[in-house]
Amino acid sequence: MTEEEAAHWMLAEYEAAGFLYQEAAASHLFQLNDEKLAYFDKSSNLCIGEVVLDVFNKLTPDAVYERAGRFWRVRLETDQPGRQQ
């Protein structure tokens, strides 16, 4: 799977459910054994690859990232401007 394909997989999951948990996406991508898709950082956190995340963010300009819950969701009318809430 390429980085762009991974971002499109994330988009499909996000659109199907209306949200996407970062940990679930990173875990799925990590199982593909390609550090460009997902990797462990210096603090041993499982992370989504930077290019994958960049492409996903471009594909979902209206998505909101909930930092506390570590997931992306559909923007609500009550949300503040910006991507992170």
Protein backbone atom coordinates (compact mmCIF):
# COMPACT_ATOMS: atom_id res chain seq x y z
CA MET A 1 0.00 0.00 0.00
CA THR A 2 1.34 3.44 -0.89
CA GLU A 3 1.12 6.44 1.38
CA GLU A 4 -1.60 7.94 -0.80
CA GLU A 5 -3.55 4.66 -0.79
CA ALA A 6 -3.26 4.61 3.01
CA ALA A 7 -4.68 8.14 3.21
CA HIS A 8 -7.55 7.13 0.94
CA TRP A 9 -8.19 4.08 3.13
CA MET A 10 -8.36 6.42 6.13
CA LEU A 11 -10.76 8.67 4.21
CA ALA A 12 -13.05 5.72 3.41
CA GLU A 13 -13.09 4.68 7.09
CA TYR A 14 -13.77 8.28 8.17
CA GLU A 15 -16.59 8.75 5.67
CA ALA A 16 -18.20 5.40 6.53
CA ALA A 17 -18.40 6.12 10.25
CA GLY A 18 -18.30 9.93 10.41
CA PHE A 19 -15.19 9.69 12.61
CA LEU A 20 -11.81 7.96 12.71
CA TYR A 21 -9.74 7.15 15.78
CA GLN A 22 -6.04 7.85 15.31
CA GLU A 23 -4.99 4.73 17.23
CA ALA A 24 -7.19 2.44 15.14
CA ALA A 25 -5.86 3.88 11.88
CA ALA A 26 -2.24 3.76 13.04
CA SER A 27 -2.63 0.19 14.28
CA HIS A 28 -4.12 -0.98 10.99
CA LEU A 29 -1.40 0.73 8.96
CA PHE A 30 1.37 -0.57 11.24
CA GLN A 31 0.27 -4.13 10.54
CA LEU A 32 1.24 -3.57 6.90
CA ASN A 33 4.91 -3.51 7.98
CA ASP A 34 5.89 -0.27 6.26
CA GLU A 35 7.35 2.49 8.44
CA LYS A 36 6.26 5.11 5.89
CA LEU A 37 2.66 4.28 6.80
CA ALA A 38 2.95 3.98 10.59
CA TYR A 39 5.81 3.87 13.08
CA PHE A 40 6.74 4.15 16.74
CA ASP A 41 8.18 7.52 17.74
CA LYS A 42 10.93 8.09 20.33
CA SER A 43 8.33 8.01 23.12
CA SER A 44 7.02 4.64 21.91
CA ASN A 45 3.78 6.15 20.60
CA LEU A 46 2.30 4.55 17.49
CA CYS A 47 2.06 7.29 14.84
CA ILE A 48 0.63 7.65 11.36
CA GLY A 49 3.28 8.41 8.75
CA GLU A 50 3.74 12.12 8.01
CA VAL A 51 2.98 11.88 4.29
CA VAL A 52 -0.09 9.73 4.96
CA LEU A 53 -1.32 12.29 7.48
CA ASP A 54 -0.61 15.21 5.13
CA VAL A 55 -2.59 13.60 2.32
CA PHE A 56 -5.44 12.66 4.67
CA ASN A 57 -5.62 16.23 5.97
CA LYS A 58 -5.85 17.54 2.40
CA LEU A 59 -8.63 15.06 1.64
CA THR A 60 -10.61 16.12 4.73
CA PRO A 61 -10.40 19.95 4.95
CA ASP A 62 -13.64 20.16 6.96
CA ALA A 63 -12.79 17.44 9.46
CA VAL A 64 -12.11 18.34 13.08
CA TYR A 65 -9.46 16.62 15.19
CA GLU A 66 -10.47 16.09 18.82
CA ARG A 67 -7.18 16.18 20.70
CA ALA A 68 -8.58 14.79 23.95
CA GLY A 69 -10.12 11.75 22.26
CA ARG A 70 -7.49 11.51 19.51
CA PHE A 71 -9.95 11.18 16.64
CA TRP A 72 -11.19 13.03 13.57
CA ARG A 73 -14.88 13.82 13.21
CA VAL A 74 -17.31 15.80 11.07
CA ARG A 75 -17.35 19.53 11.84
CA LEU A 76 -20.35 20.81 13.80
CA GLU A 77 -21.87 24.29 13.61
CA THR A 78 -20.78 24.90 17.20
CA ASP A 79 -17.08 24.16 16.53
CA GLN A 80 -14.50 26.91 16.77
CA PRO A 81 -12.53 27.78 13.61
CA GLY A 82 -9.50 25.59 12.97
CA ARG A 83 -8.85 21.89 12.69
CA GLN A 84 -8.21 21.02 16.34
CA GLN A 85 -10.86 21.28 19.02
